Amino acid sequence: MEENARAHLIITGRVQGVFFRVETQRAALRFGVTGWVRNQYDGSVEAVAEGTGTDVQSLIQWCHAGPPNARVDHVKITWEKHLGEFERFEVRY
């Protein structure tokens, strides 16, 4: 059985106003990842993702590219203890 993982992400670049949050939610659903995504006041996007290590890595890889109109400059990843606190992946405001 694969170990669960949790990653806290800060994505910078042109990542607001390009449907980054909703497309991240769609990608998370495809990969079976739970958590949330939201815009930050500094123009970045923040996300927390939980799932199997492979599934979380798949979402992180997707975040390095993002949706077609995004330009991702950097994805900061902080690994945290898996808490299993989410039932789905949601867009937060």
PDB file of N, CA and C in Angstrom:
ATOM      1  N   MET A   1       0.846  -1.196   0.000  1.00  0.00           N
ATOM      2  CA  MET A   1       0.000   0.000   0.000  1.00  0.00           C
ATOM      3  C   MET A   1       0.882   1.248   0.000  1.00  0.00           C
ATOM      4  N   GLU A   2       0.556   2.180  -0.881  1.00  0.00           N
ATOM      5  CA  GLU A   2       1.352   3.393  -1.001  1.00  0.00           C
ATOM      6  C   GLU A   2       1.066   4.360   0.144  1.00  0.00           C
ATOM      7  N   GLU A   3       2.111   5.018   0.595  1.00  0.00           N
ATOM      8  CA  GLU A   3       1.990   5.960   1.697  1.00  0.00           C
ATOM      9  C   GLU A   3       1.304   7.252   1.248  1.00  0.00           C
ATOM     10  N   ASN A   4       0.498   7.833   2.128  1.00  0.00           N
ATOM     11  CA  ASN A   4      -0.161   9.096   1.838  1.00  0.00           C
ATOM     12  C   ASN A   4       0.806  10.251   2.026  1.00  0.00           C
ATOM     13  N   ALA A   5       0.498  11.345   1.331  1.00  0.00           N
ATOM     14  CA  ALA A   5       1.364  12.525   1.363  1.00  0.00           C
ATOM     15  C   ALA A   5       0.505  13.777   1.427  1.00  0.00           C
ATOM     16  N   ARG A   6       1.135  14.863   1.858  1.00  0.00           N
ATOM     17  CA  ARG A   6       0.489  16.179   1.897  1.00  0.00           C
ATOM     18  C   ARG A   6       1.524  17.204   1.482  1.00  0.00           C
ATOM     19  N   ALA A   7       1.153  18.066   0.544  1.00  0.00           N
ATOM     20  CA  ALA A   7       2.056  19.116   0.080  1.00  0.00           C
ATOM     21  C   ALA A   7       1.348  20.464   0.156  1.00  0.00           C
ATOM     22  N   HIS A   8       2.089  21.463   0.614  1.00  0.00           N
ATOM     23  CA  HIS A   8       1.620  22.849   0.638  1.00  0.00           C
ATOM     24  C   HIS A   8       2.369  23.556  -0.482  1.00  0.00           C
ATOM     25  N   LEU A   9       1.646  24.139  -1.423  1.00  0.00           N
ATOM     26  CA  LEU A   9       2.251  24.721  -2.619  1.00  0.00           C
ATOM     27  C   LEU A   9       2.003  26.217  -2.689  1.00  0.00           C
ATOM     28  N   ILE A  10       3.015  26.943  -3.142  1.00  0.00           N
ATOM     29  CA  ILE A  10       2.883  28.350  -3.509  1.00  0.00           C
ATOM     30  C   ILE A  10       3.355  28.444  -4.957  1.00  0.00           C
ATOM     31  N   ILE A  11       2.448  28.838  -5.842  1.00  0.00           N
ATOM     32  CA  ILE A  11       2.752  28.901  -7.266  1.00  0.00           C
ATOM     33  C   ILE A  11       2.817  30.366  -7.679  1.00  0.00           C
ATOM     34  N   THR A  12       3.928  30.757  -8.289  1.00  0.00           N
ATOM     35  CA  THR A  12       4.108  32.147  -8.697  1.00  0.00           C
ATOM     36  C   THR A  12       4.276  32.236 -10.208  1.00  0.00           C
ATOM     37  N   GLY A  13       4.009  33.427 -10.737  1.00  0.00           N
ATOM     38  CA  GLY A  13       4.058  33.705 -12.168  1.00  0.00           C
ATOM     39  C   GLY A  13       2.761  34.394 -12.555  1.00  0.00           C
ATOM     40  N   ARG A  14       2.340  34.209 -13.811  1.00  0.00           N
ATOM     41  CA  ARG A  14       1.027  34.728 -14.218  1.00  0.00           C
ATOM     42  C   ARG A  14       0.034  33.601 -13.963  1.00  0.00           C
ATOM     43  N   VAL A  15      -0.473  33.562 -12.725  1.00  0.00           N
ATOM     44  CA  VAL A  15      -1.305  32.441 -12.287  1.00  0.00           C
ATOM     45  C   VAL A  15      -2.678  32.879 -11.769  1.00  0.00           C
ATOM     46  N   GLN A  16      -2.951  34.178 -11.818  1.00  0.00           N
ATOM     47  CA  GLN A  16      -4.287  34.656 -11.462  1.00  0.00           C
ATOM     48  C   GLN A  16      -4.937  35.235 -12.713  1.00  0.00           C
ATOM     49  N   GLY A  17      -6.248  35.043 -12.837  1.00  0.00           N
ATOM     50  CA  GLY A  17      -6.965  35.539 -14.008  1.00  0.00           C
ATOM     51  C   GLY A  17      -6.810  34.644 -15.226  1.00  0.00           C
ATOM     52  N   VAL A  18      -6.308  33.430 -15.024  1.00  0.00           N
ATOM     53  CA  VAL A  18      -6.096  32.490 -16.134  1.00  0.00           C
ATOM     54  C   VAL A  18      -6.756  31.140 -15.837  1.00  0.00           C
ATOM     55  N   PHE A  19      -7.755  31.135 -14.949  1.00  0.00           N
ATOM     56  CA  PHE A  19      -8.495  29.930 -14.561  1.00  0.00           C
ATOM     57  C   PHE A  19      -7.613  28.897 -13.852  1.00  0.00           C
ATOM     58  N   PHE A  20      -6.552  29.371 -13.185  1.00  0.00           N
ATOM     59  CA  PHE A  20      -5.633  28.442 -12.528  1.00  0.00           C
ATOM     60  C   PHE A  20      -6.328  27.653 -11.426  1.00  0.00           C
ATOM     61  N   ARG A  21      -7.150  28.320 -10.614  1.00  0.00           N
ATOM     62  CA  ARG A  21      -7.789  27.621  -9.491  1.00  0.00           C
ATOM     63  C   ARG A  21      -8.745  26.533  -9.962  1.00  0.00           C
ATOM     64  N   VAL A  22      -9.646  26.872 -10.872  1.00  0.00           N
ATOM     65  CA  VAL A  22     -10.628  25.883 -11.310  1.00  0.00           C
ATOM     66  C   VAL A  22      -9.950  24.741 -12.078  1.00  0.00           C
ATOM     67  N   GLU A  23      -8.913  25.047 -12.838  1.00  0.00           N
ATOM     68  CA  GLU A  23      -8.206  23.984 -13.560  1.00  0.00           C
ATOM     69  C   GLU A  23      -7.388  23.113 -12.600  1.00  0.00           C
ATOM     70  N   THR A  24      -6.879  23.709 -11.527  1.00  0.00           N
ATOM     71  CA  THR A  24      -6.197  22.912 -10.501  1.00  0.00           C
ATOM     72  C   THR A  24      -7.187  21.969  -9.838  1.00  0.00           C
ATOM     73  N   GLN A  25      -8.386  22.467  -9.561  1.00  0.00           N
ATOM     74  CA  GLN A  25      -9.429  21.625  -8.977  1.00  0.00           C
ATOM     75  C   GLN A  25      -9.753  20.458  -9.912  1.00  0.00           C
ATOM     76  N   ARG A  26      -9.886  20.720 -11.197  1.00  0.00           N
ATOM     77  CA  ARG A  26     -10.181  19.655 -12.166  1.00  0.00           C
ATOM     78  C   ARG A  26      -9.046  18.633 -12.209  1.00  0.00           C
ATOM     79  N   ALA A  27      -7.808  19.121 -12.189  1.00  0.00           N
ATOM     80  CA  ALA A  27      -6.655  18.204 -12.199  1.00  0.00           C
ATOM     81  C   ALA A  27      -6.653  17.355 -10.926  1.00  0.00           C
ATOM     82  N   ALA A  28      -6.924  17.984  -9.781  1.00  0.00           N
ATOM     83  CA  ALA A  28      -6.956  17.247  -8.513  1.00  0.00           C
ATOM     84  C   ALA A  28      -8.011  16.143  -8.554  1.00  0.00           C
ATOM     85  N   LEU A  29      -9.161  16.438  -9.130  1.00  0.00           N
ATOM     86  CA  LEU A  29     -10.214  15.424  -9.248  1.00  0.00           C
ATOM     87  C   LEU A  29      -9.746  14.269 -10.128  1.00  0.00           C
ATOM     88  N   ARG A  30      -9.062  14.583 -11.234  1.00  0.00           N
ATOM     89  CA  ARG A  30      -8.532  13.532 -12.118  1.00  0.00           C
ATOM     90  C   ARG A  30      -7.532  12.644 -11.391  1.00  0.00           C
ATOM     91  N   PHE A  31      -6.697  13.250 -10.542  1.00  0.00           N
ATOM     92  CA  PHE A  31      -5.647  12.502  -9.848  1.00  0.00           C
ATOM     93  C   PHE A  31      -6.114  11.895  -8.530  1.00  0.00           C
ATOM     94  N   GLY A  32      -7.350  12.205  -8.098  1.00  0.00           N
ATOM     95  CA  GLY A  32      -7.858  11.661  -6.850  1.00  0.00           C
ATOM     96  C   GLY A  32      -7.263  12.314  -5.615  1.00  0.00           C
ATOM     97  N   VAL A  33      -6.938  13.610  -5.738  1.00  0.00           N
ATOM     98  CA  VAL A  33      -6.307  14.370  -4.654  1.00  0.00           C
ATOM     99  C   VAL A  33      -7.357  15.242  -3.975  1.00  0.00           C
ATOM    100  N   THR A  34      -7.275  15.369  -2.662  1.00  0.00           N
ATOM    101  CA  THR A  34      -8.162  16.248  -1.909  1.00  0.00           C
ATOM    102  C   THR A  34      -7.376  17.449  -1.405  1.00  0.00           C
ATOM    103  N   GLY A  35      -8.098  18.501  -0.989  1.00  0.00           N
ATOM    104  CA  GLY A  35      -7.447  19.702  -0.455  1.00  0.00           C
ATOM    105  C   GLY A  35      -8.145  20.952  -0.926  1.00  0.00           C
ATOM    106  N   TRP A  36      -7.363  21.990  -1.208  1.00  0.00           N
ATOM    107  CA  TRP A  36      -7.939  23.269  -1.625  1.00  0.00           C
ATOM    108  C   TRP A  36      -6.918  24.103  -2.393  1.00  0.00           C
ATOM    109  N   VAL A  37      -7.420  25.131  -3.077  1.00  0.00           N
ATOM    110  CA  VAL A  37      -6.593  26.079  -3.814  1.00  0.00           C
ATOM    111  C   VAL A  37      -7.228  27.461  -3.668  1.00  0.00           C
ATOM    112  N   ARG A  38      -6.402  28.504  -3.571  1.00  0.00           N
ATOM    113  CA  ARG A  38      -6.919  29.875  -3.464  1.00  0.00           C
ATOM    114  C   ARG A  38      -5.883  30.868  -3.983  1.00  0.00           C
ATOM    115  N   ASN A  39      -6.386  32.049  -4.390  1.00  0.00           N
ATOM    116  CA  ASN A  39      -5.507  33.151  -4.772  1.00  0.00           C
ATOM    117  C   ASN A  39      -4.968  33.830  -3.526  1.00  0.00           C
ATOM    118  N   GLN A  40      -3.765  34.355  -3.638  1.00  0.00           N
ATOM    119  CA  GLN A  40      -3.159  35.139  -2.560  1.00  0.00           C
ATOM    120  C   GLN A  40      -3.092  36.603  -2.999  1.00  0.00           C
ATOM    121  N   TYR A  41      -3.050  37.517  -2.049  1.00  0.00           N
ATOM    122  CA  TYR A  41      -3.027  38.944  -2.354  1.00  0.00           C
ATOM    123  C   TYR A  41      -1.780  39.361  -3.121  1.00  0.00           C
ATOM    124  N   ASP A  42      -0.696  38.601  -3.006  1.00  0.00           N
ATOM    125  CA  ASP A  42       0.547  38.963  -3.695  1.00  0.00           C
ATOM    126  C   ASP A  42       0.586  38.483  -5.147  1.00  0.00           C
ATOM    127  N   GLY A  43      -0.519  37.903  -5.649  1.00  0.00           N
ATOM    128  CA  GLY A  43      -0.580  37.450  -7.029  1.00  0.00           C
ATOM    129  C   GLY A  43      -0.250  35.985  -7.216  1.00  0.00           C
ATOM    130  N   SER A  44       0.144  35.322  -6.144  1.00  0.00           N
ATOM    131  CA  SER A  44       0.448  33.889  -6.235  1.00  0.00           C
ATOM    132  C   SER A  44      -0.827  33.075  -6.002  1.00  0.00           C
ATOM    133  N   VAL A  45      -0.701  31.767  -6.204  1.00  0.00           N
ATOM    134  CA  VAL A  45      -1.776  30.823  -5.897  1.00  0.00           C
ATOM    135  C   VAL A  45      -1.231  29.862  -4.848  1.00  0.00           C
ATOM    136  N   GLU A  46      -2.031  29.601  -3.829  1.00  0.00           N
ATOM    137  CA  GLU A  46      -1.654  28.687  -2.742  1.00  0.00           C
ATOM    138  C   GLU A  46      -2.554  27.466  -2.798  1.00  0.00           C
ATOM    139  N   ALA A  47      -1.987  26.299  -2.534  1.00  0.00           N
ATOM    140  CA  ALA A  47      -2.782  25.073  -2.524  1.00  0.00           C
ATOM    141  C   ALA A  47      -2.252  24.112  -1.474  1.00  0.00           C
ATOM    142  N   VAL A  48      -3.142  23.285  -0.960  1.00  0.00           N
ATOM    143  CA  VAL A  48      -2.776  22.160  -0.104  1.00  0.00           C
ATOM    144  C   VAL A  48      -3.381  20.929  -0.757  1.00  0.00           C
ATOM    145  N   ALA A  49      -2.552  19.903  -0.948  1.00  0.00           N
ATOM    146  CA  ALA A  49      -2.994  18.689  -1.628  1.00  0.00           C
ATOM    147  C   ALA A  49      -2.664  17.467  -0.792  1.00  0.00           C
ATOM    148  N   GLU A  50      -3.640  16.571  -0.651  1.00  0.00           N
ATOM    149  CA  GLU A  50      -3.438  15.306   0.056  1.00  0.00           C
ATOM    150  C   GLU A  50      -3.878  14.144  -0.819  1.00  0.00           C
ATOM    151  N   GLY A  51      -3.176  13.051  -0.687  1.00  0.00           N
ATOM    152  CA  GLY A  51      -3.506  11.837  -1.419  1.00  0.00           C
ATOM    153  C   GLY A  51      -2.329  10.890  -1.346  1.00  0.00           C
ATOM    154  N   THR A  52      -2.307   9.910  -2.239  1.00  0.00           N
ATOM    155  CA  THR A  52      -1.124   9.050  -2.281  1.00  0.00           C
ATOM    156  C   THR A  52       0.052   9.885  -2.767  1.00  0.00           C
ATOM    157  N   GLY A  53       1.235   9.461  -2.433  1.00  0.00           N
ATOM    158  CA  GLY A  53       2.427  10.188  -2.874  1.00  0.00           C
ATOM    159  C   GLY A  53       2.462  10.372  -4.377  1.00  0.00           C
ATOM    160  N   THR A  54       2.105   9.325  -5.118  1.00  0.00           N
ATOM    161  CA  THR A  54       2.101   9.390  -6.582  1.00  0.00           C
ATOM    162  C   THR A  54       1.080  10.398  -7.089  1.00  0.00           C
ATOM    163  N   ASP A  55      -0.115  10.394  -6.499  1.00  0.00           N
ATOM    164  CA  ASP A  55      -1.166  11.314  -6.947  1.00  0.00           C
ATOM    165  C   ASP A  55      -0.820  12.765  -6.626  1.00  0.00           C
ATOM    166  N   VAL A  56      -0.271  13.013  -5.445  1.00  0.00           N
ATOM    167  CA  VAL A  56       0.137  14.376  -5.082  1.00  0.00           C
ATOM    168  C   VAL A  56       1.265  14.834  -6.017  1.00  0.00           C
ATOM    169  N   GLN A  57       2.212  13.962  -6.315  1.00  0.00           N
ATOM    170  CA  GLN A  57       3.296  14.312  -7.246  1.00  0.00           C
ATOM    171  C   GLN A  57       2.735  14.639  -8.628  1.00  0.00           C
ATOM    172  N   SER A  58       1.707  13.909  -9.063  1.00  0.00           N
ATOM    173  CA  SER A  58       1.083  14.178 -10.361  1.00  0.00           C
ATOM    174  C   SER A  58       0.469  15.574 -10.384  1.00  0.00           C
ATOM    175  N   LEU A  59      -0.197  15.967  -9.293  1.00  0.00           N
ATOM    176  CA  LEU A  59      -0.778  17.306  -9.231  1.00  0.00           C
ATOM    177  C   LEU A  59       0.322  18.369  -9.207  1.00  0.00           C
ATOM    178  N   ILE A  60       1.386  18.125  -8.461  1.00  0.00           N
ATOM    179  CA  ILE A  60       2.503  19.076  -8.423  1.00  0.00           C
ATOM    180  C   ILE A  60       3.090  19.248  -9.820  1.00  0.00           C
ATOM    181  N   GLN A  61       3.269  18.161 -10.527  1.00  0.00           N
ATOM    182  CA  GLN A  61       3.803  18.230 -11.892  1.00  0.00           C
ATOM    183  C   GLN A  61       2.874  19.058 -12.775  1.00  0.00           C
ATOM    184  N   TRP A  62       1.561  18.852 -12.637  1.00  0.00           N
ATOM    185  CA  TRP A  62       0.603  19.645 -13.399  1.00  0.00           C
ATOM    186  C   TRP A  62       0.742  21.131 -13.053  1.00  0.00           C
ATOM    187  N   CYS A  63       0.925  21.446 -11.770  1.00  0.00           N
ATOM    188  CA  CYS A  63       1.034  22.844 -11.331  1.00  0.00           C
ATOM    189  C   CYS A  63       2.258  23.548 -11.913  1.00  0.00           C
ATOM    190  N   HIS A  64       3.287  22.801 -12.262  1.00  0.00           N
ATOM    191  CA  HIS A  64       4.467  23.409 -12.881  1.00  0.00           C
ATOM    192  C   HIS A  64       4.156  23.980 -14.269  1.00  0.00           C
ATOM    193  N   ALA A  65       3.099  23.488 -14.908  1.00  0.00           N
ATOM    194  CA  ALA A  65       2.684  24.004 -16.216  1.00  0.00           C
ATOM    195  C   ALA A  65       1.416  24.844 -16.093  1.00  0.00           C
ATOM    196  N   GLY A  66       0.426  24.324 -15.359  1.00  0.00           N
ATOM    197  CA  GLY A  66      -0.838  25.026 -15.194  1.00  0.00           C
ATOM    198  C   GLY A  66      -1.668  25.004 -16.456  1.00  0.00           C
ATOM    199  N   PRO A  67      -2.762  25.791 -16.482  1.00  0.00           N
ATOM    200  CA  PRO A  67      -3.616  25.848 -17.665  1.00  0.00           C
ATOM    201  C   PRO A  67      -2.922  26.594 -18.809  1.00  0.00           C
ATOM    202  N   PRO A  68      -3.479  26.514 -20.017  1.00  0.00           N
ATOM    203  CA  PRO A  68      -2.809  27.071 -21.204  1.00  0.00           C
ATOM    204  C   PRO A  68      -2.369  28.534 -21.112  1.00  0.00           C
ATOM    205  N   ASN A  69      -3.159  29.419 -20.504  1.00  0.00           N
ATOM    206  CA  ASN A  69      -2.800  30.848 -20.478  1.00  0.00           C
ATOM    207  C   ASN A  69      -1.936  31.248 -19.290  1.00  0.00           C
ATOM    208  N   ALA A  70      -1.587  30.301 -18.449  1.00  0.00           N
ATOM    209  CA  ALA A  70      -0.750  30.600 -17.280  1.00  0.00           C
ATOM    210  C   ALA A  70       0.728  30.597 -17.670  1.00  0.00           C
ATOM    211  N   ARG A  71       1.525  31.301 -16.866  1.00  0.00           N
ATOM    212  CA  ARG A  71       2.981  31.225 -16.955  1.00  0.00           C
ATOM    213  C   ARG A  71       3.478  30.973 -15.542  1.00  0.00           C
ATOM    214  N   VAL A  72       3.918  29.760 -15.274  1.00  0.00           N
ATOM    215  CA  VAL A  72       4.389  29.397 -13.945  1.00  0.00           C
ATOM    216  C   VAL A  72       5.881  29.651 -13.871  1.00  0.00           C
ATOM    217  N   ASP A  73       6.281  30.524 -12.934  1.00  0.00           N
ATOM    218  CA  ASP A  73       7.696  30.809 -12.735  1.00  0.00           C
ATOM    219  C   ASP A  73       8.319  29.888 -11.693  1.00  0.00           C
ATOM    220  N   HIS A  74       7.546  29.560 -10.655  1.00  0.00           N
ATOM    221  CA  HIS A  74       8.108  28.749  -9.568  1.00  0.00           C
ATOM    222  C   HIS A  74       6.987  28.070  -8.785  1.00  0.00           C
ATOM    223  N   VAL A  75       7.258  26.864  -8.341  1.00  0.00           N
ATOM    224  CA  VAL A  75       6.348  26.151  -7.439  1.00  0.00           C
ATOM    225  C   VAL A  75       7.158  25.803  -6.190  1.00  0.00           C
ATOM    226  N   LYS A  76       6.819  26.459  -5.086  1.00  0.00           N
ATOM    227  CA  LYS A  76       7.465  26.151  -3.806  1.00  0.00           C
ATOM    228  C   LYS A  76       6.669  25.041  -3.138  1.00  0.00           C
ATOM    229  N   ILE A  77       7.351  23.979  -2.779  1.00  0.00           N
ATOM    230  CA  ILE A  77       6.696  22.808  -2.194  1.00  0.00           C
ATOM    231  C   ILE A  77       7.182  22.620  -0.766  1.00  0.00           C
ATOM    232  N   THR A  78       6.255  22.545   0.166  1.00  0.00           N
ATOM    233  CA  THR A  78       6.562  22.216   1.545  1.00  0.00           C
ATOM    234  C   THR A  78       5.804  20.937   1.883  1.00  0.00           C
ATOM    235  N   TRP A  79       6.545  19.894   2.200  1.00  0.00           N
ATOM    236  CA  TRP A  79       5.902  18.624   2.568  1.00  0.00           C
ATOM    237  C   TRP A  79       5.478  18.678   4.018  1.00  0.00           C
ATOM    238  N   GLU A  80       4.254  18.257   4.289  1.00  0.00           N
ATOM    239  CA  GLU A  80       3.691  18.288   5.632  1.00  0.00           C
ATOM    240  C   GLU A  80       3.154  16.909   5.997  1.00  0.00           C
ATOM    241  N   LYS A  81       2.786  16.758   7.237  1.00  0.00           N
ATOM    242  CA  LYS A  81       2.207  15.499   7.697  1.00  0.00           C
ATOM    243  C   LYS A  81       0.797  15.339   7.123  1.00  0.00           C
ATOM    244  N   HIS A  82       0.517  14.188   6.547  1.00  0.00           N
ATOM    245  CA  HIS A  82      -0.813  13.898   6.011  1.00  0.00           C
ATOM    246  C   HIS A  82      -1.810  13.848   7.169  1.00  0.00           C
ATOM    247  N   LEU A  83      -2.888  14.614   7.039  1.00  0.00           N
ATOM    248  CA  LEU A  83      -3.889  14.671   8.105  1.00  0.00           C
ATOM    249  C   LEU A  83      -5.205  14.014   7.718  1.00  0.00           C
ATOM    250  N   GLY A  84      -5.453  13.825   6.439  1.00  0.00           N
ATOM    251  CA  GLY A  84      -6.705  13.226   5.992  1.00  0.00           C
ATOM    252  C   GLY A  84      -7.923  14.049   6.344  1.00  0.00           C
ATOM    253  N   GLU A  85      -7.771  15.366   6.335  1.00  0.00           N
ATOM    254  CA  GLU A  85      -8.857  16.233   6.798  1.00  0.00           C
ATOM    255  C   GLU A  85      -9.827  16.680   5.708  1.00  0.00           C
ATOM    256  N   PHE A  86      -9.566  16.347   4.452  1.00  0.00           N
ATOM    257  CA  PHE A  86     -10.409  16.836   3.358  1.00  0.00           C
ATOM    258  C   PHE A  86     -11.225  15.707   2.737  1.00  0.00           C
ATOM    259  N   GLU A  87     -12.454  16.050   2.342  1.00  0.00           N
ATOM    260  CA  GLU A  87     -13.304  15.075   1.652  1.00  0.00           C
ATOM    261  C   GLU A  87     -13.238  15.253   0.146  1.00  0.00           C
ATOM    262  N   ARG A  88     -12.871  16.450  -0.291  1.00  0.00           N
ATOM    263  CA  ARG A  88     -12.811  16.759  -1.740  1.00  0.00           C
ATOM    264  C   ARG A  88     -11.747  17.843  -1.937  1.00  0.00           C
ATOM    265  N   PHE A  89     -11.609  18.281  -3.172  1.00  0.00           N
ATOM    266  CA  PHE A  89     -10.690  19.379  -3.484  1.00  0.00           C
ATOM    267  C   PHE A  89     -11.539  20.582  -3.865  1.00  0.00           C
ATOM    268  N   GLU A  90     -11.368  21.691  -3.143  1.00  0.00           N
ATOM    269  CA  GLU A  90     -12.236  22.852  -3.369  1.00  0.00           C
ATOM    270  C   GLU A  90     -11.448  24.095  -3.687  1.00  0.00           C
ATOM    271  N   VAL A  91     -12.121  25.012  -4.375  1.00  0.00           N
ATOM    272  CA  VAL A  91     -11.584  26.349  -4.607  1.00  0.00           C
ATOM    273  C   VAL A  91     -12.037  27.205  -3.438  1.00  0.00           C
ATOM    274  N   ARG A  92     -11.083  27.840  -2.778  1.00  0.00           N
ATOM    275  CA  ARG A  92     -11.411  28.733  -1.652  1.00  0.00           C
ATOM    276  C   ARG A  92     -11.261  30.177  -2.093  1.00  0.00           C
ATOM    277  N   TYR A  93     -12.062  31.046  -1.452  1.00  0.00           N
ATOM    278  CA  TYR A  93     -12.063  32.468  -1.788  1.00  0.00           C
ATOM    279  C   TYR A  93     -11.716  33.287  -0.576  1.00  0.00           C
TER     280      TYR A  93
END
